[in-house]
Amino acid sequence: VAEKAAQGYNDFYFTDDAYANVKAVQDVLDVIDVKGKTHQAQYSFSDTMDRTFNEMIQRKTGIRADARYSEAKGRLVGSKKG
């Protein structure tokens, strides 16, 4: 950010999911004389992780993404895979 400000940029918008990065950029913006806004992004990967992972398994193995296996059946099917 400081390098871009030195190049003449004077309005920044920064978003990151890591608080430390957002804080570091905000600290720089507080020191240099430019407009800027920071924002900490929040995304819950777990909201879509199950469906995405099941679709990946379906593409690779042919097992339907919406199929539900008991733990016992999963172990049995998995043991035959090597």
PDB file of N, CA and C in Angstrom:
ATOM      1  N   VAL A   1       0.835  -1.190   0.000  1.00  0.00           N
ATOM      2  CA  VAL A   1       0.000   0.000   0.000  1.00  0.00           C
ATOM      3  C   VAL A   1       0.873   1.244   0.000  1.00  0.00           C
ATOM      4  N   ALA A   2       1.884   1.238   0.831  1.00  0.00           N
ATOM      5  CA  ALA A   2       2.771   2.402   0.887  1.00  0.00           C
ATOM      6  C   ALA A   2       3.456   2.630  -0.457  1.00  0.00           C
ATOM      7  N   GLU A   3       3.831   1.543  -1.132  1.00  0.00           N
ATOM      8  CA  GLU A   3       4.487   1.670  -2.437  1.00  0.00           C
ATOM      9  C   GLU A   3       3.525   2.256  -3.474  1.00  0.00           C
ATOM     10  N   LYS A   4       2.290   1.811  -3.452  1.00  0.00           N
ATOM     11  CA  LYS A   4       1.291   2.341  -4.392  1.00  0.00           C
ATOM     12  C   LYS A   4       0.989   3.807  -4.089  1.00  0.00           C
ATOM     13  N   ALA A   5       0.945   4.168  -2.817  1.00  0.00           N
ATOM     14  CA  ALA A   5       0.727   5.571  -2.453  1.00  0.00           C
ATOM     15  C   ALA A   5       1.877   6.428  -2.963  1.00  0.00           C
ATOM     16  N   ALA A   6       3.092   5.901  -2.893  1.00  0.00           N
ATOM     17  CA  ALA A   6       4.253   6.630  -3.391  1.00  0.00           C
ATOM     18  C   ALA A   6       4.189   6.805  -4.916  1.00  0.00           C
ATOM     19  N   GLN A   7       3.485   5.895  -5.588  1.00  0.00           N
ATOM     20  CA  GLN A   7       3.324   5.991  -7.037  1.00  0.00           C
ATOM     21  C   GLN A   7       2.195   6.956  -7.425  1.00  0.00           C
ATOM     22  N   GLY A   8       1.470   7.470  -6.431  1.00  0.00           N
ATOM     23  CA  GLY A   8       0.434   8.448  -6.728  1.00  0.00           C
ATOM     24  C   GLY A   8      -0.983   7.996  -6.467  1.00  0.00           C
ATOM     25  N   TYR A   9      -1.171   6.735  -6.128  1.00  0.00           N
ATOM     26  CA  TYR A   9      -2.521   6.269  -5.810  1.00  0.00           C
ATOM     27  C   TYR A   9      -2.965   6.934  -4.510  1.00  0.00           C
ATOM     28  N   ASN A  10      -4.235   7.360  -4.435  1.00  0.00           N
ATOM     29  CA  ASN A  10      -4.659   8.090  -3.237  1.00  0.00           C
ATOM     30  C   ASN A  10      -6.003   7.638  -2.674  1.00  0.00           C
ATOM     31  N   ASP A  11      -6.535   6.517  -3.162  1.00  0.00           N
ATOM     32  CA  ASP A  11      -7.796   6.004  -2.630  1.00  0.00           C
ATOM     33  C   ASP A  11      -7.726   4.476  -2.646  1.00  0.00           C
ATOM     34  N   PHE A  12      -7.827   3.874  -1.486  1.00  0.00           N
ATOM     35  CA  PHE A  12      -7.646   2.429  -1.365  1.00  0.00           C
ATOM     36  C   PHE A  12      -8.863   1.775  -0.736  1.00  0.00           C
ATOM     37  N   TYR A  13      -9.147   0.563  -1.179  1.00  0.00           N
ATOM     38  CA  TYR A  13     -10.137  -0.288  -0.536  1.00  0.00           C
ATOM     39  C   TYR A  13      -9.491  -1.648  -0.413  1.00  0.00           C
ATOM     40  N   PHE A  14      -9.365  -2.126   0.812  1.00  0.00           N
ATOM     41  CA  PHE A  14      -8.656  -3.376   1.068  1.00  0.00           C
ATOM     42  C   PHE A  14      -9.552  -4.318   1.849  1.00  0.00           C
ATOM     43  N   THR A  15      -9.652  -5.550   1.367  1.00  0.00           N
ATOM     44  CA  THR A  15     -10.417  -6.585   2.053  1.00  0.00           C
ATOM     45  C   THR A  15      -9.571  -7.837   2.137  1.00  0.00           C
ATOM     46  N   ASP A  16      -9.593  -8.457   3.292  1.00  0.00           N
ATOM     47  CA  ASP A  16      -8.874  -9.710   3.491  1.00  0.00           C
ATOM     48  C   ASP A  16      -9.594 -10.478   4.586  1.00  0.00           C
ATOM     49  N   ASP A  17      -9.407 -11.787   4.634  1.00  0.00           N
ATOM     50  CA  ASP A  17     -10.044 -12.573   5.684  1.00  0.00           C
ATOM     51  C   ASP A  17      -9.179 -12.674   6.940  1.00  0.00           C
ATOM     52  N   ALA A  18      -7.929 -12.271   6.840  1.00  0.00           N
ATOM     53  CA  ALA A  18      -7.024 -12.323   7.987  1.00  0.00           C
ATOM     54  C   ALA A  18      -6.997 -10.964   8.691  1.00  0.00           C
ATOM     55  N   TYR A  19      -7.360 -10.969   9.954  1.00  0.00           N
ATOM     56  CA  TYR A  19      -7.413  -9.721  10.713  1.00  0.00           C
ATOM     57  C   TYR A  19      -6.057  -9.017  10.720  1.00  0.00           C
ATOM     58  N   ALA A  20      -4.978  -9.788  10.833  1.00  0.00           N
ATOM     59  CA  ALA A  20      -3.645  -9.186  10.904  1.00  0.00           C
ATOM     60  C   ALA A  20      -3.340  -8.370   9.646  1.00  0.00           C
ATOM     61  N   ASN A  21      -3.741  -8.872   8.486  1.00  0.00           N
ATOM     62  CA  ASN A  21      -3.506  -8.137   7.241  1.00  0.00           C
ATOM     63  C   ASN A  21      -4.342  -6.864   7.180  1.00  0.00           C
ATOM     64  N   VAL A  22      -5.596  -6.971   7.583  1.00  0.00           N
ATOM     65  CA  VAL A  22      -6.484  -5.803   7.582  1.00  0.00           C
ATOM     66  C   VAL A  22      -5.937  -4.740   8.530  1.00  0.00           C
ATOM     67  N   LYS A  23      -5.492  -5.162   9.707  1.00  0.00           N
ATOM     68  CA  LYS A  23      -4.941  -4.231  10.706  1.00  0.00           C
ATOM     69  C   LYS A  23      -3.675  -3.559  10.176  1.00  0.00           C
ATOM     70  N   ALA A  24      -2.809  -4.338   9.519  1.00  0.00           N
ATOM     71  CA  ALA A  24      -1.556  -3.788   8.993  1.00  0.00           C
ATOM     72  C   ALA A  24      -1.829  -2.729   7.929  1.00  0.00           C
ATOM     73  N   VAL A  25      -2.767  -3.006   7.035  1.00  0.00           N
ATOM     74  CA  VAL A  25      -3.089  -2.037   5.989  1.00  0.00           C
ATOM     75  C   VAL A  25      -3.741  -0.802   6.598  1.00  0.00           C
ATOM     76  N   GLN A  26      -4.622  -0.994   7.571  1.00  0.00           N
ATOM     77  CA  GLN A  26      -5.265   0.148   8.221  1.00  0.00           C
ATOM     78  C   GLN A  26      -4.231   1.030   8.913  1.00  0.00           C
ATOM     79  N   ASP A  27      -3.243   0.396   9.544  1.00  0.00           N
ATOM     80  CA  ASP A  27      -2.169   1.161  10.186  1.00  0.00           C
ATOM     81  C   ASP A  27      -1.404   2.004   9.170  1.00  0.00           C
ATOM     82  N   VAL A  28      -1.119   1.439   7.998  1.00  0.00           N
ATOM     83  CA  VAL A  28      -0.419   2.190   6.950  1.00  0.00           C
ATOM     84  C   VAL A  28      -1.291   3.344   6.466  1.00  0.00           C
ATOM     85  N   LEU A  29      -2.585   3.078   6.248  1.00  0.00           N
ATOM     86  CA  LEU A  29      -3.480   4.130   5.779  1.00  0.00           C
ATOM     87  C   LEU A  29      -3.597   5.260   6.790  1.00  0.00           C
ATOM     88  N   ASP A  30      -3.507   4.920   8.085  1.00  0.00           N
ATOM     89  CA  ASP A  30      -3.563   5.942   9.124  1.00  0.00           C
ATOM     90  C   ASP A  30      -2.338   6.848   9.087  1.00  0.00           C
ATOM     91  N   VAL A  31      -1.212   6.314   8.659  1.00  0.00           N
ATOM     92  CA  VAL A  31       0.037   7.070   8.648  1.00  0.00           C
ATOM     93  C   VAL A  31       0.173   7.932   7.389  1.00  0.00           C
ATOM     94  N   ILE A  32      -0.160   7.362   6.238  1.00  0.00           N
ATOM     95  CA  ILE A  32      -0.021   8.126   4.986  1.00  0.00           C
ATOM     96  C   ILE A  32      -1.283   8.951   4.746  1.00  0.00           C
ATOM     97  N   ASP A  33      -1.166   9.980   3.976  1.00  0.00           N
ATOM     98  CA  ASP A  33      -2.265  10.932   3.781  1.00  0.00           C
ATOM     99  C   ASP A  33      -3.060  10.590   2.521  1.00  0.00           C
ATOM    100  N   VAL A  34      -3.807   9.470   2.582  1.00  0.00           N
ATOM    101  CA  VAL A  34      -4.654   9.057   1.463  1.00  0.00           C
ATOM    102  C   VAL A  34      -5.983   8.548   2.009  1.00  0.00           C
ATOM    103  N   LYS A  35      -6.977   8.521   1.127  1.00  0.00           N
ATOM    104  CA  LYS A  35      -8.264   7.959   1.524  1.00  0.00           C
ATOM    105  C   LYS A  35      -8.151   6.442   1.462  1.00  0.00           C
ATOM    106  N   GLY A  36      -8.879   5.794   2.334  1.00  0.00           N
ATOM    107  CA  GLY A  36      -8.854   4.344   2.287  1.00  0.00           C
ATOM    108  C   GLY A  36      -9.853   3.727   3.243  1.00  0.00           C
ATOM    109  N   LYS A  37     -10.247   2.523   2.903  1.00  0.00           N
ATOM    110  CA  LYS A  37     -11.171   1.779   3.743  1.00  0.00           C
ATOM    111  C   LYS A  37     -10.707   0.334   3.775  1.00  0.00           C
ATOM    112  N   THR A  38     -10.759  -0.258   4.946  1.00  0.00           N
ATOM    113  CA  THR A  38     -10.406  -1.674   5.068  1.00  0.00           C
ATOM    114  C   THR A  38     -11.624  -2.430   5.565  1.00  0.00           C
ATOM    115  N   HIS A  39     -11.643  -3.709   5.240  1.00  0.00           N
ATOM    116  CA  HIS A  39     -12.769  -4.540   5.614  1.00  0.00           C
ATOM    117  C   HIS A  39     -12.279  -5.968   5.812  1.00  0.00           C
ATOM    118  N   GLN A  40     -12.728  -6.593   6.883  1.00  0.00           N
ATOM    119  CA  GLN A  40     -12.366  -7.988   7.092  1.00  0.00           C
ATOM    120  C   GLN A  40     -13.473  -8.863   6.512  1.00  0.00           C
ATOM    121  N   ALA A  41     -13.101  -9.649   5.517  1.00  0.00           N
ATOM    122  CA  ALA A  41     -14.063 -10.542   4.873  1.00  0.00           C
ATOM    123  C   ALA A  41     -14.316 -11.740   5.771  1.00  0.00           C
ATOM    124  N   GLN A  42     -15.546 -12.170   5.777  1.00  0.00           N
ATOM    125  CA  GLN A  42     -15.893 -13.363   6.545  1.00  0.00           C
ATOM    126  C   GLN A  42     -16.650 -14.301   5.624  1.00  0.00           C
ATOM    127  N   TYR A  43     -16.126 -15.482   5.482  1.00  0.00           N
ATOM    128  CA  TYR A  43     -16.731 -16.483   4.620  1.00  0.00           C
ATOM    129  C   TYR A  43     -16.675 -17.800   5.342  1.00  0.00           C
ATOM    130  N   SER A  44     -17.770 -18.470   5.368  1.00  0.00           N
ATOM    131  CA  SER A  44     -17.809 -19.762   6.022  1.00  0.00           C
ATOM    132  C   SER A  44     -17.709 -20.852   4.968  1.00  0.00           C
ATOM    133  N   PHE A  45     -16.536 -21.394   4.841  1.00  0.00           N
ATOM    134  CA  PHE A  45     -16.299 -22.452   3.861  1.00  0.00           C
ATOM    135  C   PHE A  45     -17.175 -23.651   4.152  1.00  0.00           C
ATOM    136  N   SER A  46     -17.474 -23.899   5.425  1.00  0.00           N
ATOM    137  CA  SER A  46     -18.257 -25.070   5.785  1.00  0.00           C
ATOM    138  C   SER A  46     -19.678 -24.994   5.254  1.00  0.00           C
ATOM    139  N   ASP A  47     -20.174 -23.799   4.911  1.00  0.00           N
ATOM    140  CA  ASP A  47     -21.521 -23.681   4.366  1.00  0.00           C
ATOM    141  C   ASP A  47     -21.676 -24.435   3.053  1.00  0.00           C
ATOM    142  N   THR A  48     -20.639 -24.482   2.244  1.00  0.00           N
ATOM    143  CA  THR A  48     -20.728 -25.135   0.943  1.00  0.00           C
ATOM    144  C   THR A  48     -19.774 -26.320   0.811  1.00  0.00           C
ATOM    145  N   MET A  49     -18.976 -26.564   1.823  1.00  0.00           N
ATOM    146  CA  MET A  49     -17.951 -27.584   1.733  1.00  0.00           C
ATOM    147  C   MET A  49     -18.548 -28.979   1.521  1.00  0.00           C
ATOM    148  N   ASP A  50     -19.581 -29.360   2.252  1.00  0.00           N
ATOM    149  CA  ASP A  50     -20.133 -30.700   2.125  1.00  0.00           C
ATOM    150  C   ASP A  50     -20.601 -30.985   0.705  1.00  0.00           C
ATOM    151  N   ARG A  51     -21.386 -30.080   0.154  1.00  0.00           N
ATOM    152  CA  ARG A  51     -21.920 -30.280  -1.193  1.00  0.00           C
ATOM    153  C   ARG A  51     -20.795 -30.301  -2.229  1.00  0.00           C
ATOM    154  N   THR A  52     -19.859 -29.379  -2.127  1.00  0.00           N
ATOM    155  CA  THR A  52     -18.749 -29.319  -3.076  1.00  0.00           C
ATOM    156  C   THR A  52     -17.915 -30.595  -3.022  1.00  0.00           C
ATOM    157  N   PHE A  53     -17.625 -31.058  -1.821  1.00  0.00           N
ATOM    158  CA  PHE A  53     -16.824 -32.267  -1.655  1.00  0.00           C
ATOM    159  C   PHE A  53     -17.566 -33.477  -2.225  1.00  0.00           C
ATOM    160  N   ASN A  54     -18.867 -33.582  -1.956  1.00  0.00           N
ATOM    161  CA  ASN A  54     -19.653 -34.698  -2.482  1.00  0.00           C
ATOM    162  C   ASN A  54     -19.703 -34.677  -4.007  1.00  0.00           C
ATOM    163  N   GLU A  55     -19.778 -33.485  -4.602  1.00  0.00           N
ATOM    164  CA  GLU A  55     -19.780 -33.387  -6.060  1.00  0.00           C
ATOM    165  C   GLU A  55     -18.440 -33.815  -6.643  1.00  0.00           C
ATOM    166  N   MET A  56     -17.350 -33.518  -5.939  1.00  0.00           N
ATOM    167  CA  MET A  56     -16.026 -33.956  -6.383  1.00  0.00           C
ATOM    168  C   MET A  56     -15.939 -35.483  -6.349  1.00  0.00           C
ATOM    169  N   ILE A  57     -16.461 -36.088  -5.283  1.00  0.00           N
ATOM    170  CA  ILE A  57     -16.468 -37.549  -5.165  1.00  0.00           C
ATOM    171  C   ILE A  57     -17.313 -38.156  -6.278  1.00  0.00           C
ATOM    172  N   GLN A  58     -18.460 -37.535  -6.573  1.00  0.00           N
ATOM    173  CA  GLN A  58     -19.324 -38.040  -7.638  1.00  0.00           C
ATOM    174  C   GLN A  58     -18.602 -38.039  -8.983  1.00  0.00           C
ATOM    175  N   ARG A  59     -17.900 -36.960  -9.294  1.00  0.00           N
ATOM    176  CA  ARG A  59     -17.168 -36.888 -10.564  1.00  0.00           C
ATOM    177  C   ARG A  59     -16.083 -37.957 -10.648  1.00  0.00           C
ATOM    178  N   LYS A  60     -15.443 -38.232  -9.530  1.00  0.00           N
ATOM    179  CA  LYS A  60     -14.317 -39.167  -9.527  1.00  0.00           C
ATOM    180  C   LYS A  60     -14.769 -40.626  -9.459  1.00  0.00           C
ATOM    181  N   THR A  61     -15.816 -40.920  -8.666  1.00  0.00           N
ATOM    182  CA  THR A  61     -16.175 -42.307  -8.401  1.00  0.00           C
ATOM    183  C   THR A  61     -17.510 -42.731  -8.990  1.00  0.00           C
ATOM    184  N   GLY A  62     -18.366 -41.762  -9.309  1.00  0.00           N
ATOM    185  CA  GLY A  62     -19.692 -42.111  -9.794  1.00  0.00           C
ATOM    186  C   GLY A  62     -20.720 -42.258  -8.690  1.00  0.00           C
ATOM    187  N   ILE A  63     -20.303 -42.199  -7.442  1.00  0.00           N
ATOM    188  CA  ILE A  63     -21.245 -42.266  -6.320  1.00  0.00           C
ATOM    189  C   ILE A  63     -22.011 -40.957  -6.282  1.00  0.00           C
ATOM    190  N   ARG A  64     -23.340 -41.024  -6.311  1.00  0.00           N
ATOM    191  CA  ARG A  64     -24.164 -39.817  -6.360  1.00  0.00           C
ATOM    192  C   ARG A  64     -23.826 -38.868  -5.208  1.00  0.00           C
ATOM    193  N   ALA A  65     -23.821 -37.569  -5.495  1.00  0.00           N
ATOM    194  CA  ALA A  65     -23.495 -36.550  -4.497  1.00  0.00           C
ATOM    195  C   ALA A  65     -24.516 -36.523  -3.369  1.00  0.00           C
ATOM    196  N   ASP A  66     -25.750 -36.918  -3.653  1.00  0.00           N
ATOM    197  CA  ASP A  66     -26.779 -36.889  -2.618  1.00  0.00           C
ATOM    198  C   ASP A  66     -26.946 -38.232  -1.906  1.00  0.00           C
ATOM    199  N   ALA A  67     -26.100 -39.219  -2.226  1.00  0.00           N
ATOM    200  CA  ALA A  67     -26.158 -40.524  -1.569  1.00  0.00           C
ATOM    201  C   ALA A  67     -25.730 -40.392  -0.111  1.00  0.00           C
ATOM    202  N   ARG A  68     -26.372 -41.153   0.737  1.00  0.00           N
ATOM    203  CA  ARG A  68     -26.036 -41.161   2.164  1.00  0.00           C
ATOM    204  C   ARG A  68     -25.670 -42.571   2.578  1.00  0.00           C
ATOM    205  N   TYR A  69     -24.486 -42.734   3.118  1.00  0.00           N
ATOM    206  CA  TYR A  69     -24.015 -44.039   3.567  1.00  0.00           C
ATOM    207  C   TYR A  69     -23.938 -44.042   5.083  1.00  0.00           C
ATOM    208  N   SER A  70     -24.281 -45.169   5.682  1.00  0.00           N
ATOM    209  CA  SER A  70     -24.039 -45.332   7.109  1.00  0.00           C
ATOM    210  C   SER A  70     -22.531 -45.520   7.279  1.00  0.00           C
ATOM    211  N   GLU A  71     -22.062 -45.375   8.476  1.00  0.00           N
ATOM    212  CA  GLU A  71     -20.620 -45.565   8.711  1.00  0.00           C
ATOM    213  C   GLU A  71     -20.214 -46.981   8.343  1.00  0.00           C
ATOM    214  N   ALA A  72     -21.049 -47.959   8.685  1.00  0.00           N
ATOM    215  CA  ALA A  72     -20.729 -49.354   8.388  1.00  0.00           C
ATOM    216  C   ALA A  72     -20.631 -49.586   6.887  1.00  0.00           C
ATOM    217  N   LYS A  73     -21.589 -49.086   6.107  1.00  0.00           N
ATOM    218  CA  LYS A  73     -21.545 -49.257   4.659  1.00  0.00           C
ATOM    219  C   LYS A  73     -20.354 -48.517   4.059  1.00  0.00           C
ATOM    220  N   GLY A  74     -20.069 -47.349   4.570  1.00  0.00           N
ATOM    221  CA  GLY A  74     -18.912 -46.601   4.100  1.00  0.00           C
ATOM    222  C   GLY A  74     -17.622 -47.363   4.308  1.00  0.00           C
ATOM    223  N   ARG A  75     -17.486 -47.972   5.473  1.00  0.00           N
ATOM    224  CA  ARG A  75     -16.286 -48.790   5.748  1.00  0.00           C
ATOM    225  C   ARG A  75     -16.208 -49.982   4.814  1.00  0.00           C
ATOM    226  N   LEU A  76     -17.366 -50.651   4.588  1.00  0.00           N
ATOM    227  CA  LEU A  76     -17.401 -51.807   3.714  1.00  0.00           C
ATOM    228  C   LEU A  76     -17.034 -51.442   2.284  1.00  0.00           C
ATOM    229  N   VAL A  77     -17.645 -50.411   1.755  1.00  0.00           N
ATOM    230  CA  VAL A  77     -17.344 -49.971   0.391  1.00  0.00           C
ATOM    231  C   VAL A  77     -15.891 -49.497   0.298  1.00  0.00           C
ATOM    232  N   GLY A  78     -15.445 -48.756   1.285  1.00  0.00           N
ATOM    233  CA  GLY A  78     -14.069 -48.256   1.276  1.00  0.00           C
ATOM    234  C   GLY A  78     -13.028 -49.354   1.384  1.00  0.00           C
ATOM    235  N   SER A  79     -13.329 -50.420   2.099  1.00  0.00           N
ATOM    236  CA  SER A  79     -12.357 -51.492   2.256  1.00  0.00           C
ATOM    237  C   SER A  79     -12.117 -52.224   0.940  1.00  0.00           C
ATOM    238  N   LYS A  80     -13.077 -52.159   0.041  1.00  0.00           N
ATOM    239  CA  LYS A  80     -12.929 -52.832  -1.263  1.00  0.00           C
ATOM    240  C   LYS A  80     -12.152 -51.974  -2.254  1.00  0.00           C
ATOM    241  N   LYS A  81     -11.866 -50.722  -1.910  1.00  0.00           N
ATOM    242  CA  LYS A  81     -11.172 -49.817  -2.811  1.00  0.00           C
ATOM    243  C   LYS A  81      -9.664 -49.958  -2.739  1.00  0.00           C
ATOM    244  N   GLY A  82      -9.164 -50.594  -1.681  1.00  0.00           N
ATOM    245  CA  GLY A  82      -7.725 -50.755  -1.553  1.00  0.00           C
ATOM    246  C   GLY A  82      -7.184 -49.617  -0.848  1.00  0.00           C
TER     247      GLY A  82
END
